[in-house]
Amino acid sequence: MELETKMYVAWAHISRSEDVADQWVAYCPAFDAMTLGGSPVHAREMIEEAVGLLITMDLNEGRDPEARRSTREEDWAALYRLFESHKQKVPVNRMDERAEFKEFAVPITWTFERQVVDAAGNGSQTEMRERGIYPTGDPLAA
């Protein structure tokens, strides 16, 4: 019996909502997923969970999660702008304390694993399960 492991790394753009008061929008164009949260950290947690569920569903149904990737240039524009002009890196756990920043670019890694049945049928086929979500580095802030 062997263990199959997959890892996905992507960036999420987190900004104040223009439509909903006191909410932050998190968008991950690599998986075309969007969520809301009551703070930057909450929005990050929500996008991590949402993308993790999308990836899990796709893997278990035999689809390539990376096929969800947005191809619209405007979906990537905010991230590109932050990469070029960010003012500072901010530790993930301090995002909520930095009221002067209106947006963040956050790198996130998702890992998944499952047991694989060998040719003799030994072992058990299990669903791909999320093993962990990790902030990959400090967010960029502007």
Protein backbone atom coordinates (compact mmCIF):
# COMPACT_ATOMS: atom_id res chain seq x y z
CA MET A 1 0.00 0.00 0.00
CA GLU A 2 1.37 3.40 -0.93
CA LEU A 3 0.41 6.95 -0.13
CA GLU A 4 -0.37 9.38 -2.95
CA THR A 5 0.34 13.03 -2.13
CA LYS A 6 -0.54 16.16 -4.11
CA MET A 7 0.33 19.76 -3.37
CA TYR A 8 -1.10 22.98 -4.78
CA VAL A 9 0.26 26.50 -4.27
CA ALA A 10 -1.63 29.65 -5.18
CA TRP A 11 -2.06 33.31 -4.26
CA ALA A 12 -5.24 34.90 -2.93
CA HIS A 13 -6.06 38.59 -3.21
CA ILE A 14 -7.80 39.97 -0.10
CA SER A 15 -9.37 43.44 -0.11
CA ARG A 16 -12.12 45.43 1.58
CA SER A 17 -15.53 44.70 0.08
CA GLU A 18 -16.95 47.54 -1.97
CA ASP A 19 -20.48 46.13 -1.69
CA VAL A 20 -20.78 44.74 1.85
CA ALA A 21 -19.89 46.88 4.87
CA ASP A 22 -17.26 45.55 7.30
CA GLN A 23 -16.41 42.59 5.07
CA TRP A 24 -13.26 41.54 3.23
CA VAL A 25 -13.28 39.71 -0.11
CA ALA A 26 -10.79 36.94 -0.80
CA TYR A 27 -10.34 35.81 -4.41
CA CYS A 28 -8.06 33.05 -5.66
CA PRO A 29 -7.88 33.24 -9.48
CA ALA A 30 -5.82 30.04 -9.69
CA PHE A 31 -8.97 28.13 -8.67
CA ASP A 32 -11.54 30.84 -9.55
CA ALA A 33 -12.91 30.90 -5.98
CA MET A 34 -14.22 33.84 -3.94
CA THR A 35 -15.27 34.20 -0.30
CA LEU A 36 -16.07 36.88 2.30
CA GLY A 37 -14.77 37.29 5.83
CA GLY A 38 -15.23 39.76 8.66
CA SER A 39 -11.50 40.58 8.73
CA PRO A 40 -8.46 39.97 6.50
CA VAL A 41 -7.50 36.88 8.54
CA HIS A 42 -11.06 35.53 8.46
CA ALA A 43 -11.23 36.09 4.68
CA ARG A 44 -7.92 34.19 4.32
CA GLU A 45 -9.26 31.31 6.40
CA MET A 46 -12.46 31.21 4.33
CA ILE A 47 -10.62 31.11 0.97
CA GLU A 48 -8.28 28.41 2.27
CA GLU A 49 -11.28 26.29 3.24
CA ALA A 50 -13.25 26.97 0.05
CA VAL A 51 -10.34 26.15 -2.27
CA GLY A 52 -9.49 23.07 -0.20
CA LEU A 53 -13.06 21.79 -0.66
CA LEU A 54 -12.99 22.51 -4.41
CA ILE A 55 -9.68 20.69 -4.85
CA THR A 56 -10.88 17.72 -2.78
CA MET A 57 -14.08 17.45 -4.82
CA ASP A 58 -12.23 17.68 -8.14
CA LEU A 59 -9.60 15.09 -7.16
CA ASN A 60 -12.21 12.63 -5.90
CA GLU A 61 -14.28 13.03 -9.06
CA GLY A 62 -11.29 12.57 -11.38
CA ARG A 63 -11.05 16.20 -12.51
CA ASP A 64 -7.96 18.40 -12.65
CA PRO A 65 -8.40 21.18 -10.05
CA GLU A 66 -6.06 23.42 -12.01
CA ALA A 67 -8.55 23.44 -14.90
CA ARG A 68 -10.58 25.89 -12.77
CA ARG A 69 -7.90 28.56 -13.30
CA SER A 70 -9.35 31.87 -14.43
CA THR A 71 -8.17 32.98 -17.86
CA ARG A 72 -9.60 36.50 -17.56
CA GLU A 73 -6.82 39.09 -17.31
CA GLU A 74 -8.87 41.31 -14.99
CA ASP A 75 -9.06 38.45 -12.44
CA TRP A 76 -5.26 38.50 -12.13
CA ALA A 77 -4.76 42.29 -12.36
CA ALA A 78 -5.04 43.02 -8.61
CA LEU A 79 -2.43 40.38 -7.76
CA TYR A 80 -0.05 41.61 -10.46
CA ARG A 81 -0.43 45.18 -9.23
CA LEU A 82 0.34 44.13 -5.64
CA PHE A 83 3.37 42.10 -6.72
CA GLU A 84 4.78 45.19 -8.43
CA SER A 85 3.88 47.87 -5.88
CA HIS A 86 3.48 46.30 -2.44
CA LYS A 87 4.57 48.49 0.43
CA GLN A 88 5.41 45.86 3.00
CA LYS A 89 5.31 42.21 3.98
CA VAL A 90 3.04 41.51 6.95
CA PRO A 91 3.02 38.34 9.10
CA VAL A 92 -0.18 36.37 8.49
CA ASN A 93 -1.19 36.50 12.14
CA ARG A 94 -0.88 40.32 12.16
CA MET A 95 -3.01 41.12 9.10
CA ASP A 96 -5.97 42.21 11.25
CA GLU A 97 -3.80 44.63 13.22
CA ARG A 98 -2.70 46.59 10.15
CA ALA A 99 -5.65 48.93 9.49
CA GLU A 100 -3.56 51.14 7.21
CA PHE A 101 -3.51 48.42 4.54
CA LYS A 102 -6.49 48.00 2.25
CA GLU A 103 -5.43 44.84 0.44
CA PHE A 104 -3.17 41.82 0.72
CA ALA A 105 -1.72 39.16 -1.59
CA VAL A 106 -1.45 35.91 0.37
CA PRO A 107 0.44 32.77 -0.74
CA ILE A 108 -1.21 29.51 0.37
CA THR A 109 -0.26 25.82 0.01
CA TRP A 110 -2.78 22.97 0.14
CA THR A 111 -1.61 19.35 0.53
CA PHE A 112 -3.70 16.23 -0.01
CA GLU A 113 -3.11 12.52 0.41
CA ARG A 114 -4.81 9.16 -0.02
CA GLN A 115 -3.96 5.50 0.31
CA VAL A 116 -3.66 3.68 -2.99
CA VAL A 117 -4.64 0.06 -3.56
CA ASP A 118 -1.76 -2.05 -4.92
CA ALA A 119 -2.05 -4.40 -7.92
CA ALA A 120 -2.93 -7.37 -5.67
CA GLY A 121 -5.82 -5.43 -4.17
CA ASN A 122 -4.17 -5.00 -0.80
CA GLY A 123 -4.97 -1.85 1.08
CA SER A 124 -7.99 0.31 0.86
CA GLN A 125 -8.90 2.95 -1.68
CA THR A 126 -9.74 6.09 0.20
CA GLU A 127 -10.85 9.50 -0.89
CA MET A 128 -8.28 12.20 -1.33
CA ARG A 129 -8.27 14.07 1.97
CA GLU A 130 -6.88 17.41 2.86
CA ARG A 131 -3.78 16.96 4.95
CA GLY A 132 -2.97 20.56 5.63
CA ILE A 133 -3.22 24.17 4.59
CA TYR A 134 -0.17 26.29 5.11
CA PRO A 135 0.47 29.98 4.66
CA THR A 136 3.46 29.78 2.33
CA GLY A 137 4.99 33.11 3.27
CA ASP A 138 4.19 36.54 4.54
CA PRO A 139 1.41 38.40 2.72
CA LEU A 140 2.25 41.43 0.63
CA ALA A 141 0.31 44.53 1.72
CA ALA A 142 -0.69 47.80 0.10
